[in-house]
Amino acid sequence: MGDRLDVTVARLCDLSRAQARRLIDEGLVRVNARLPGKAGAKVAFGDSIVVHIPPPGPAEPLPESMPLSIVFEDEHLIVVDKPAGMPVHPGPGHSSHTLVNALLAHCPDLPGIGGVQRPGIVHRLDKDTSGLIVAAKDEKTHAGLTRQLSERRMHKTYLALLEGHLEPAEAMIDAPIGRDHDHRQRMSIRHSDGRSAQTRYRVREYVDGYSYVEASPITGRTHQIRVHLVSLGHPIVGDAVYGKASKLVSRQFLHAWRLTFRHPIASKEMSFDAPLAADLQAALTELGIES
């Protein structure tokens, strides 16, 4: 056997190993016409390695005038109800039409707040997850919100529809999460090398083989709620990555419903709710569940 795949890609393409691993994780490297799965996979003599390097995007995200569902806004921060299908910030394959692009158009003073590529962004939502997200308009507010997030004083509650009958009806899931070594674009429970992760949940209603739940992540790991719930044998309905596609809804039934934090400047508790997106509400209506 030869070198590790990430080492080989880095050498052949004049990249750092971190850049090579990122390409492998994003499915942009194929070995013998197949996805290799692991950055540490060994490369044998005679293997065919094809690397797709995306064209460079703009050095800084550009403002784009797009509709925003604004729940709250003052001179320091803005709370938005993000639609499903919109990435939060630019990344490989989507350098435009993100929430960041829309915020830059709406808030001209935002560039540079908290970083070039993610101006104002304090936390994130998956592309196909709808619901509440807060962004800061100045450095002091950004620092204050980021501190609350790291100290677990910013509280988020999601609504999710799960496959099957989840029991017990209320519990805390405490299981470490890390990169899935066999499927690099997924996360999984990793007791040996994962990062600590906790999610509290409560079942709202059971109906026809489904469980409608509230889920509150205590920590903020990538795909945390999705991974924790599928680890119990109850994937989120429509989650094609960790479960399966569904006739009820065309994306994962996960919605950031409630967001609570203390305003860093006004020093007052603020709490916001976002109604379910129309596609998720239609799925509940079909099942006879009242949201």
C-alpha atoms as a PDB file:
ATOM      1  CA  MET A   1       0.000   0.000   0.000  1.00  0.00           C
ATOM      2  CA  GLY A   2       1.107   3.584  -0.594  1.00  0.00           C
ATOM      3  CA  ASP A   3       0.551   6.979   0.997  1.00  0.00           C
ATOM      4  CA  ARG A   4      -2.657   8.295   2.512  1.00  0.00           C
ATOM      5  CA  LEU A   5      -5.090   9.763  -0.003  1.00  0.00           C
ATOM      6  CA  ASP A   6      -5.004  13.268   1.502  1.00  0.00           C
ATOM      7  CA  VAL A   7      -1.200  13.277   1.387  1.00  0.00           C
ATOM      8  CA  THR A   8      -1.240  12.155  -2.252  1.00  0.00           C
ATOM      9  CA  VAL A   9      -3.860  14.727  -3.314  1.00  0.00           C
ATOM     10  CA  ALA A  10      -2.004  17.501  -1.486  1.00  0.00           C
ATOM     11  CA  ARG A  11       1.244  16.592  -3.253  1.00  0.00           C
ATOM     12  CA  LEU A  12      -0.247  16.184  -6.722  1.00  0.00           C
ATOM     13  CA  CYS A  13      -2.336  19.367  -6.587  1.00  0.00           C
ATOM     14  CA  ASP A  14       0.059  21.553  -4.584  1.00  0.00           C
ATOM     15  CA  LEU A  15      -2.429  21.937  -1.718  1.00  0.00           C
ATOM     16  CA  SER A  16      -2.211  21.787   2.039  1.00  0.00           C
ATOM     17  CA  ARG A  17      -3.408  18.549   3.652  1.00  0.00           C
ATOM     18  CA  ALA A  18      -6.323  20.456   5.179  1.00  0.00           C
ATOM     19  CA  GLN A  19      -7.378  21.633   1.717  1.00  0.00           C
ATOM     20  CA  ALA A  20      -6.997  18.106   0.344  1.00  0.00           C
ATOM     21  CA  ARG A  21      -9.104  16.664   3.194  1.00  0.00           C
ATOM     22  CA  ARG A  22     -11.793  19.271   2.516  1.00  0.00           C
ATOM     23  CA  LEU A  23     -12.005  18.226  -1.137  1.00  0.00           C
ATOM     24  CA  ILE A  24     -12.267  14.572  -0.091  1.00  0.00           C
ATOM     25  CA  ASP A  25     -14.934  15.363   2.545  1.00  0.00           C
ATOM     26  CA  GLU A  26     -16.983  17.271  -0.046  1.00  0.00           C
ATOM     27  CA  GLY A  27     -16.955  14.348  -2.482  1.00  0.00           C
ATOM     28  CA  LEU A  28     -14.696  16.083  -4.999  1.00  0.00           C
ATOM     29  CA  VAL A  29     -12.097  13.296  -5.137  1.00  0.00           C
ATOM     30  CA  ARG A  30     -12.627   9.914  -6.761  1.00  0.00           C
ATOM     31  CA  VAL A  31     -10.332   6.913  -6.676  1.00  0.00           C
ATOM     32  CA  ASN A  32     -10.902   4.439  -9.484  1.00  0.00           C
ATOM     33  CA  ALA A  33     -14.173   6.276 -10.260  1.00  0.00           C
ATOM     34  CA  ARG A  34     -15.472   5.761  -6.703  1.00  0.00           C
ATOM     35  CA  LEU A  35     -15.790   8.016  -3.659  1.00  0.00           C
ATOM     36  CA  PRO A  36     -13.008   6.950  -1.283  1.00  0.00           C
ATOM     37  CA  GLY A  37     -14.887   7.675   1.954  1.00  0.00           C
ATOM     38  CA  LYS A  38     -11.828   8.380   4.096  1.00  0.00           C
ATOM     39  CA  ALA A  39      -9.067  10.953   3.789  1.00  0.00           C
ATOM     40  CA  GLY A  40      -6.774   8.350   5.342  1.00  0.00           C
ATOM     41  CA  ALA A  41      -7.507   5.684   2.714  1.00  0.00           C
ATOM     42  CA  LYS A  42      -4.341   4.169   1.279  1.00  0.00           C
ATOM     43  CA  VAL A  43      -3.536   4.730  -2.383  1.00  0.00           C
ATOM     44  CA  ALA A  44      -2.097   1.814  -4.327  1.00  0.00           C
ATOM     45  CA  PHE A  45       0.248   1.990  -7.306  1.00  0.00           C
ATOM     46  CA  GLY A  46      -1.793   2.270 -10.502  1.00  0.00           C
ATOM     47  CA  ASP A  47      -4.884   3.799  -8.843  1.00  0.00           C
ATOM     48  CA  SER A  48      -6.689   6.440 -10.906  1.00  0.00           C
ATOM     49  CA  ILE A  49      -7.239   9.608  -8.853  1.00  0.00           C
ATOM     50  CA  VAL A  50      -9.507  12.352 -10.200  1.00  0.00           C
ATOM     51  CA  VAL A  51      -9.679  15.643  -8.277  1.00  0.00           C
ATOM     52  CA  HIS A  52     -12.234  18.340  -9.037  1.00  0.00           C
ATOM     53  CA  ILE A  53     -11.084  21.717  -7.716  1.00  0.00           C
ATOM     54  CA  PRO A  54     -13.965  24.242  -7.776  1.00  0.00           C
ATOM     55  CA  PRO A  55     -13.218  27.607  -9.349  1.00  0.00           C
ATOM     56  CA  PRO A  56     -12.342  30.235  -6.753  1.00  0.00           C
ATOM     57  CA  GLY A  57     -15.244  32.340  -5.571  1.00  0.00           C
ATOM     58  CA  PRO A  58     -15.027  36.039  -4.792  1.00  0.00           C
ATOM     59  CA  ALA A  59     -12.625  36.944  -1.978  1.00  0.00           C
ATOM     60  CA  GLU A  60     -15.536  38.490  -0.097  1.00  0.00           C
ATOM     61  CA  PRO A  61     -19.266  37.706  -0.326  1.00  0.00           C
ATOM     62  CA  LEU A  62     -21.151  40.225  -2.452  1.00  0.00           C
ATOM     63  CA  PRO A  63     -24.452  41.914  -1.518  1.00  0.00           C
ATOM     64  CA  GLU A  64     -27.508  40.454  -3.257  1.00  0.00           C
ATOM     65  CA  SER A  65     -30.949  41.944  -2.950  1.00  0.00           C
ATOM     66  CA  MET A  66     -33.207  39.058  -1.895  1.00  0.00           C
ATOM     67  CA  PRO A  67     -36.378  38.874   0.208  1.00  0.00           C
ATOM     68  CA  LEU A  68     -35.767  38.473   3.938  1.00  0.00           C
ATOM     69  CA  SER A  69     -38.349  37.398   6.495  1.00  0.00           C
ATOM     70  CA  ILE A  70     -37.284  39.727   9.319  1.00  0.00           C
ATOM     71  CA  VAL A  71     -38.663  38.815  12.747  1.00  0.00           C
ATOM     72  CA  PHE A  72     -36.837  41.548  14.690  1.00  0.00           C
ATOM     73  CA  GLU A  73     -34.301  44.245  13.888  1.00  0.00           C
ATOM     74  CA  ASP A  74     -32.642  47.150  15.645  1.00  0.00           C
ATOM     75  CA  GLU A  75     -29.339  48.994  15.146  1.00  0.00           C
ATOM     76  CA  HIS A  76     -27.374  46.153  16.801  1.00  0.00           C
ATOM     77  CA  LEU A  77     -28.803  42.874  15.530  1.00  0.00           C
ATOM     78  CA  ILE A  78     -31.284  41.230  13.208  1.00  0.00           C
ATOM     79  CA  VAL A  79     -33.332  38.035  13.656  1.00  0.00           C
ATOM     80  CA  VAL A  80     -34.403  36.323  10.430  1.00  0.00           C
ATOM     81  CA  ASP A  81     -36.693  33.387   9.635  1.00  0.00           C
ATOM     82  CA  LYS A  82     -34.480  31.574   7.086  1.00  0.00           C
ATOM     83  CA  PRO A  83     -36.256  29.603   4.358  1.00  0.00           C
ATOM     84  CA  ALA A  84     -35.294  26.018   3.572  1.00  0.00           C
ATOM     85  CA  GLY A  85     -32.941  25.713   0.611  1.00  0.00           C
ATOM     86  CA  MET A  86     -30.905  28.819   1.459  1.00  0.00           C
ATOM     87  CA  PRO A  87     -27.333  28.233   2.709  1.00  0.00           C
ATOM     88  CA  VAL A  88     -26.313  30.499   5.580  1.00  0.00           C
ATOM     89  CA  HIS A  89     -22.929  31.495   4.155  1.00  0.00           C
ATOM     90  CA  PRO A  90     -20.953  30.974   0.936  1.00  0.00           C
ATOM     91  CA  GLY A  91     -19.099  27.712   0.462  1.00  0.00           C
ATOM     92  CA  PRO A  92     -17.941  25.358  -2.273  1.00  0.00           C
ATOM     93  CA  GLY A  93     -20.627  25.216  -4.937  1.00  0.00           C
ATOM     94  CA  HIS A  94     -22.656  28.158  -3.589  1.00  0.00           C
ATOM     95  CA  SER A  95     -20.789  31.457  -3.568  1.00  0.00           C
ATOM     96  CA  SER A  96     -24.033  33.418  -3.969  1.00  0.00           C
ATOM     97  CA  HIS A  97     -27.724  33.364  -3.025  1.00  0.00           C
ATOM     98  CA  THR A  98     -26.916  32.773   0.644  1.00  0.00           C
ATOM     99  CA  LEU A  99     -28.253  34.423   3.772  1.00  0.00           C
ATOM    100  CA  VAL A 100     -24.959  36.315   4.089  1.00  0.00           C
ATOM    101  CA  ASN A 101     -25.392  37.769   0.592  1.00  0.00           C
ATOM    102  CA  ALA A 102     -28.918  38.901   1.473  1.00  0.00           C
ATOM    103  CA  LEU A 103     -27.820  40.387   4.817  1.00  0.00           C
ATOM    104  CA  LEU A 104     -25.003  42.335   3.156  1.00  0.00           C
ATOM    105  CA  ALA A 105     -27.543  43.981   0.856  1.00  0.00           C
ATOM    106  CA  HIS A 106     -29.901  44.746   3.742  1.00  0.00           C
ATOM    107  CA  CYS A 107     -27.224  45.900   6.224  1.00  0.00           C
ATOM    108  CA  PRO A 108     -24.529  47.899   4.356  1.00  0.00           C
ATOM    109  CA  ASP A 109     -22.333  48.185   7.491  1.00  0.00           C
ATOM    110  CA  LEU A 110     -22.145  44.416   7.996  1.00  0.00           C
ATOM    111  CA  PRO A 111     -18.874  43.585   6.120  1.00  0.00           C
ATOM    112  CA  GLY A 112     -16.071  42.577   8.467  1.00  0.00           C
ATOM    113  CA  ILE A 113     -18.261  41.946  11.524  1.00  0.00           C
ATOM    114  CA  GLY A 114     -17.085  38.599  12.915  1.00  0.00           C
ATOM    115  CA  GLY A 115     -15.062  37.664   9.822  1.00  0.00           C
ATOM    116  CA  VAL A 116     -14.924  38.206   6.077  1.00  0.00           C
ATOM    117  CA  GLN A 117     -16.751  35.108   4.855  1.00  0.00           C
ATOM    118  CA  ARG A 118     -19.454  35.046   7.561  1.00  0.00           C
ATOM    119  CA  PRO A 119     -20.148  38.691   8.392  1.00  0.00           C
ATOM    120  CA  GLY A 120     -22.437  39.048  11.398  1.00  0.00           C
ATOM    121  CA  ILE A 121     -23.202  35.315  11.622  1.00  0.00           C
ATOM    122  CA  VAL A 122     -23.228  33.951  15.184  1.00  0.00           C
ATOM    123  CA  HIS A 123     -24.631  30.444  14.626  1.00  0.00           C
ATOM    124  CA  ARG A 124     -25.772  28.496  11.585  1.00  0.00           C
ATOM    125  CA  LEU A 125     -28.561  26.334  10.232  1.00  0.00           C
ATOM    126  CA  ASP A 126     -28.272  23.550   7.676  1.00  0.00           C
ATOM    127  CA  LYS A 127     -29.266  24.582   4.155  1.00  0.00           C
ATOM    128  CA  ASP A 128     -32.517  22.588   4.242  1.00  0.00           C
ATOM    129  CA  THR A 129     -33.451  23.546   7.803  1.00  0.00           C
ATOM    130  CA  SER A 130     -35.843  26.487   8.078  1.00  0.00           C
ATOM    131  CA  GLY A 131     -36.274  28.892  10.972  1.00  0.00           C
ATOM    132  CA  LEU A 132     -34.695  31.466  13.242  1.00  0.00           C
ATOM    133  CA  ILE A 133     -31.145  32.758  13.071  1.00  0.00           C
ATOM    134  CA  VAL A 134     -29.625  35.900  14.589  1.00  0.00           C
ATOM    135  CA  ALA A 135     -26.866  38.059  13.084  1.00  0.00           C
ATOM    136  CA  ALA A 136     -24.948  40.920  14.711  1.00  0.00           C
ATOM    137  CA  LYS A 137     -24.479  44.359  13.134  1.00  0.00           C
ATOM    138  CA  ASP A 138     -21.474  45.449  15.205  1.00  0.00           C
ATOM    139  CA  GLU A 139     -18.449  43.845  16.848  1.00  0.00           C
ATOM    140  CA  LYS A 140     -19.625  44.355  20.445  1.00  0.00           C
ATOM    141  CA  THR A 141     -22.955  42.674  19.725  1.00  0.00           C
ATOM    142  CA  HIS A 142     -21.240  39.866  17.828  1.00  0.00           C
ATOM    143  CA  ALA A 143     -18.848  39.238  20.732  1.00  0.00           C
ATOM    144  CA  GLY A 144     -21.717  39.264  23.238  1.00  0.00           C
ATOM    145  CA  LEU A 145     -23.881  36.829  21.280  1.00  0.00           C
ATOM    146  CA  THR A 146     -20.929  34.550  20.547  1.00  0.00           C
ATOM    147  CA  ARG A 147     -20.108  34.471  24.273  1.00  0.00           C
ATOM    148  CA  GLN A 148     -23.698  33.513  25.140  1.00  0.00           C
ATOM    149  CA  LEU A 149     -23.559  30.746  22.559  1.00  0.00           C
ATOM    150  CA  SER A 150     -20.271  29.330  23.877  1.00  0.00           C
ATOM    151  CA  GLU A 151     -21.484  29.579  27.481  1.00  0.00           C
ATOM    152  CA  ARG A 152     -24.775  27.858  26.539  1.00  0.00           C
ATOM    153  CA  ARG A 153     -26.894  30.853  27.493  1.00  0.00           C
ATOM    154  CA  MET A 154     -28.434  31.159  24.034  1.00  0.00           C
ATOM    155  CA  HIS A 155     -31.315  28.695  23.833  1.00  0.00           C
ATOM    156  CA  LYS A 156     -32.656  27.164  20.616  1.00  0.00           C
ATOM    157  CA  THR A 157     -35.643  24.846  20.231  1.00  0.00           C
ATOM    158  CA  TYR A 158     -36.442  22.979  17.038  1.00  0.00           C
ATOM    159  CA  LEU A 159     -39.561  21.190  15.848  1.00  0.00           C
ATOM    160  CA  ALA A 160     -39.030  17.837  14.148  1.00  0.00           C
ATOM    161  CA  LEU A 161     -41.175  15.003  12.828  1.00  0.00           C
ATOM    162  CA  LEU A 162     -39.580  11.598  13.372  1.00  0.00           C
ATOM    163  CA  GLU A 163     -40.076   8.159  11.914  1.00  0.00           C
ATOM    164  CA  GLY A 164     -41.523   5.748  14.492  1.00  0.00           C
ATOM    165  CA  HIS A 165     -42.642   5.926  18.116  1.00  0.00           C
ATOM    166  CA  LEU A 166     -39.892   7.610  20.164  1.00  0.00           C
ATOM    167  CA  GLU A 167     -39.657   6.531  23.797  1.00  0.00           C
ATOM    168  CA  PRO A 168     -39.297   7.714  26.439  1.00  0.00           C
ATOM    169  CA  ALA A 169     -41.440  10.733  25.637  1.00  0.00           C
ATOM    170  CA  GLU A 170     -38.901  13.092  27.212  1.00  0.00           C
ATOM    171  CA  ALA A 171     -35.159  12.642  27.747  1.00  0.00           C
ATOM    172  CA  MET A 172     -31.643  13.989  27.333  1.00  0.00           C
ATOM    173  CA  ILE A 173     -29.430  12.425  24.650  1.00  0.00           C
ATOM    174  CA  ASP A 174     -25.771  12.550  25.697  1.00  0.00           C
ATOM    175  CA  ALA A 175     -23.532  11.071  22.992  1.00  0.00           C
ATOM    176  CA  PRO A 176     -20.320  12.438  21.426  1.00  0.00           C
ATOM    177  CA  ILE A 177     -20.378  13.365  17.741  1.00  0.00           C
ATOM    178  CA  GLY A 178     -17.589  13.310  15.161  1.00  0.00           C
ATOM    179  CA  ARG A 179     -16.956  12.854  11.455  1.00  0.00           C
ATOM    180  CA  ASP A 180     -18.181   9.506  10.132  1.00  0.00           C
ATOM    181  CA  HIS A 181     -15.020   7.706   9.005  1.00  0.00           C
ATOM    182  CA  ASP A 182     -16.876   5.694   6.365  1.00  0.00           C
ATOM    183  CA  HIS A 183     -19.000   8.543   4.963  1.00  0.00           C
ATOM    184  CA  ARG A 184     -17.002  11.760   5.227  1.00  0.00           C
ATOM    185  CA  GLN A 185     -19.955  14.022   4.422  1.00  0.00           C
ATOM    186  CA  ARG A 186     -21.856  12.684   7.438  1.00  0.00           C
ATOM    187  CA  MET A 187     -21.430  12.879  11.190  1.00  0.00           C
ATOM    188  CA  SER A 188     -21.964   9.973  13.578  1.00  0.00           C
ATOM    189  CA  ILE A 189     -21.795   8.977  17.231  1.00  0.00           C
ATOM    190  CA  ARG A 190     -18.072   8.616  17.982  1.00  0.00           C
ATOM    191  CA  HIS A 191     -17.417   7.391  21.526  1.00  0.00           C
ATOM    192  CA  SER A 192     -13.673   7.104  20.929  1.00  0.00           C
ATOM    193  CA  ASP A 193     -12.911  10.446  19.280  1.00  0.00           C
ATOM    194  CA  GLY A 194     -16.119  12.503  19.087  1.00  0.00           C
ATOM    195  CA  ARG A 195     -16.862  15.832  20.760  1.00  0.00           C
ATOM    196  CA  SER A 196     -19.260  16.006  23.697  1.00  0.00           C
ATOM    197  CA  ALA A 197     -22.860  16.643  22.576  1.00  0.00           C
ATOM    198  CA  GLN A 198     -26.182  16.839  24.405  1.00  0.00           C
ATOM    199  CA  THR A 199     -29.726  17.281  23.069  1.00  0.00           C
ATOM    200  CA  ARG A 200     -32.875  17.486  25.175  1.00  0.00           C
ATOM    201  CA  TYR A 201     -36.165  16.437  23.532  1.00  0.00           C
ATOM    202  CA  ARG A 202     -39.871  16.226  24.358  1.00  0.00           C
ATOM    203  CA  VAL A 203     -42.540  14.448  22.322  1.00  0.00           C
ATOM    204  CA  ARG A 204     -45.494  16.692  21.519  1.00  0.00           C
ATOM    205  CA  GLU A 205     -47.643  14.062  19.822  1.00  0.00           C
ATOM    206  CA  TYR A 206     -47.619  10.506  18.481  1.00  0.00           C
ATOM    207  CA  VAL A 207     -49.615   9.688  15.336  1.00  0.00           C
ATOM    208  CA  ASP A 208     -49.626   6.917  12.696  1.00  0.00           C
ATOM    209  CA  GLY A 209     -46.061   5.761  13.214  1.00  0.00           C
ATOM    210  CA  TYR A 210     -44.598   9.227  13.655  1.00  0.00           C
ATOM    211  CA  SER A 211     -43.408  11.298  16.627  1.00  0.00           C
ATOM    212  CA  TYR A 212     -43.708  15.094  16.585  1.00  0.00           C
ATOM    213  CA  VAL A 213     -41.068  16.486  18.941  1.00  0.00           C
ATOM    214  CA  GLU A 214     -39.372  19.568  20.334  1.00  0.00           C
ATOM    215  CA  ALA A 215     -35.570  19.225  20.389  1.00  0.00           C
ATOM    216  CA  SER A 216     -33.221  21.610  22.187  1.00  0.00           C
ATOM    217  CA  PRO A 217     -29.482  21.245  21.509  1.00  0.00           C
ATOM    218  CA  ILE A 218     -27.361  22.062  24.543  1.00  0.00           C
ATOM    219  CA  THR A 219     -24.176  21.951  22.475  1.00  0.00           C
ATOM    220  CA  GLY A 220     -23.810  22.984  18.836  1.00  0.00           C
ATOM    221  CA  ARG A 221     -22.210  20.173  16.844  1.00  0.00           C
ATOM    222  CA  THR A 222     -22.688  19.805  13.096  1.00  0.00           C
ATOM    223  CA  HIS A 223     -25.955  17.947  12.296  1.00  0.00           C
ATOM    224  CA  GLN A 224     -26.357  17.354  16.047  1.00  0.00           C
ATOM    225  CA  ILE A 225     -30.134  16.895  16.283  1.00  0.00           C
ATOM    226  CA  ARG A 226     -30.242  14.770  13.135  1.00  0.00           C
ATOM    227  CA  VAL A 227     -27.425  12.492  14.337  1.00  0.00           C
ATOM    228  CA  HIS A 228     -28.702  12.161  17.905  1.00  0.00           C
ATOM    229  CA  LEU A 229     -32.231  11.228  16.855  1.00  0.00           C
ATOM    230  CA  VAL A 230     -31.175   8.714  14.203  1.00  0.00           C
ATOM    231  CA  SER A 231     -28.865   7.147  16.809  1.00  0.00           C
ATOM    232  CA  LEU A 232     -32.042   6.245  18.732  1.00  0.00           C
ATOM    233  CA  GLY A 233     -33.473   4.612  15.621  1.00  0.00           C
ATOM    234  CA  HIS A 234     -35.779   7.534  14.766  1.00  0.00           C
ATOM    235  CA  PRO A 235     -34.491   9.565  11.803  1.00  0.00           C
ATOM    236  CA  ILE A 236     -36.105  12.871  10.930  1.00  0.00           C
ATOM    237  CA  VAL A 237     -38.770  12.478   8.255  1.00  0.00           C
ATOM    238  CA  GLY A 238     -37.406  13.411   4.827  1.00  0.00           C
ATOM    239  CA  ASP A 239     -33.753  13.387   5.903  1.00  0.00           C
ATOM    240  CA  ALA A 240     -32.191  11.595   2.932  1.00  0.00           C
ATOM    241  CA  VAL A 241     -28.689  11.799   4.448  1.00  0.00           C
ATOM    242  CA  TYR A 242     -29.397  10.067   7.769  1.00  0.00           C
ATOM    243  CA  GLY A 243     -32.694   8.390   6.944  1.00  0.00           C
ATOM    244  CA  LYS A 244     -34.727   8.246   3.748  1.00  0.00           C
ATOM    245  CA  ALA A 245     -36.784  10.428   1.441  1.00  0.00           C
ATOM    246  CA  SER A 246     -40.447  10.899   2.309  1.00  0.00           C
ATOM    247  CA  LYS A 247     -43.701  11.453   0.417  1.00  0.00           C
ATOM    248  CA  LEU A 248     -44.821  13.800   3.190  1.00  0.00           C
ATOM    249  CA  VAL A 249     -42.161  16.460   2.670  1.00  0.00           C
ATOM    250  CA  SER A 250     -39.368  17.032   0.153  1.00  0.00           C
ATOM    251  CA  ARG A 251     -36.667  17.885   2.728  1.00  0.00           C
ATOM    252  CA  GLN A 252     -35.864  17.095   6.330  1.00  0.00           C
ATOM    253  CA  PHE A 253     -38.698  18.036   8.689  1.00  0.00           C
ATOM    254  CA  LEU A 254     -36.592  20.251  10.956  1.00  0.00           C
ATOM    255  CA  HIS A 255     -37.472  23.827  11.872  1.00  0.00           C
ATOM    256  CA  ALA A 256     -35.698  26.259  14.217  1.00  0.00           C
ATOM    257  CA  TRP A 257     -38.831  27.330  16.038  1.00  0.00           C
ATOM    258  CA  ARG A 258     -37.730  29.283  19.116  1.00  0.00           C
ATOM    259  CA  LEU A 259     -34.645  31.408  19.849  1.00  0.00           C
ATOM    260  CA  THR A 260     -33.918  33.017  23.235  1.00  0.00           C
ATOM    261  CA  PHE A 261     -30.968  35.202  24.245  1.00  0.00           C
ATOM    262  CA  ARG A 262     -30.070  38.360  26.152  1.00  0.00           C
ATOM    263  CA  HIS A 263     -29.605  41.466  24.024  1.00  0.00           C
ATOM    264  CA  PRO A 264     -25.884  42.274  24.472  1.00  0.00           C
ATOM    265  CA  ILE A 265     -26.437  46.048  24.375  1.00  0.00           C
ATOM    266  CA  ALA A 266     -29.933  46.552  25.825  1.00  0.00           C
ATOM    267  CA  SER A 267     -29.297  43.764  28.380  1.00  0.00           C
ATOM    268  CA  LYS A 268     -32.810  42.341  28.234  1.00  0.00           C
ATOM    269  CA  GLU A 269     -34.045  38.812  27.593  1.00  0.00           C
ATOM    270  CA  MET A 270     -35.488  38.340  24.115  1.00  0.00           C
ATOM    271  CA  SER A 271     -37.431  35.349  22.819  1.00  0.00           C
ATOM    272  CA  PHE A 272     -38.765  34.778  19.299  1.00  0.00           C
ATOM    273  CA  ASP A 273     -40.917  32.102  17.687  1.00  0.00           C
ATOM    274  CA  ALA A 274     -41.186  31.347  13.956  1.00  0.00           C
ATOM    275  CA  PRO A 275     -44.266  29.531  12.623  1.00  0.00           C
ATOM    276  CA  LEU A 276     -43.674  26.323  10.704  1.00  0.00           C
ATOM    277  CA  ALA A 277     -42.800  26.731   7.037  1.00  0.00           C
ATOM    278  CA  ALA A 278     -45.716  26.004   4.704  1.00  0.00           C
ATOM    279  CA  ASP A 279     -44.382  22.642   3.485  1.00  0.00           C
ATOM    280  CA  LEU A 280     -43.923  21.363   7.041  1.00  0.00           C
ATOM    281  CA  GLN A 281     -47.327  22.637   8.123  1.00  0.00           C
ATOM    282  CA  ALA A 282     -48.910  20.826   5.156  1.00  0.00           C
ATOM    283  CA  ALA A 283     -47.266  17.580   6.264  1.00  0.00           C
ATOM    284  CA  LEU A 284     -48.706  17.945   9.782  1.00  0.00           C
ATOM    285  CA  THR A 285     -52.130  18.764   8.394  1.00  0.00           C
ATOM    286  CA  GLU A 286     -52.018  15.603   6.289  1.00  0.00           C
ATOM    287  CA  LEU A 287     -51.297  13.595   9.452  1.00  0.00           C
ATOM    288  CA  GLY A 288     -53.934  15.422  11.472  1.00  0.00           C
ATOM    289  CA  ILE A 289     -51.439  16.974  13.878  1.00  0.00           C
ATOM    290  CA  GLU A 290     -52.065  20.443  15.263  1.00  0.00           C
ATOM    291  CA  SER A 291     -48.835  22.461  15.275  1.00  0.00           C
END
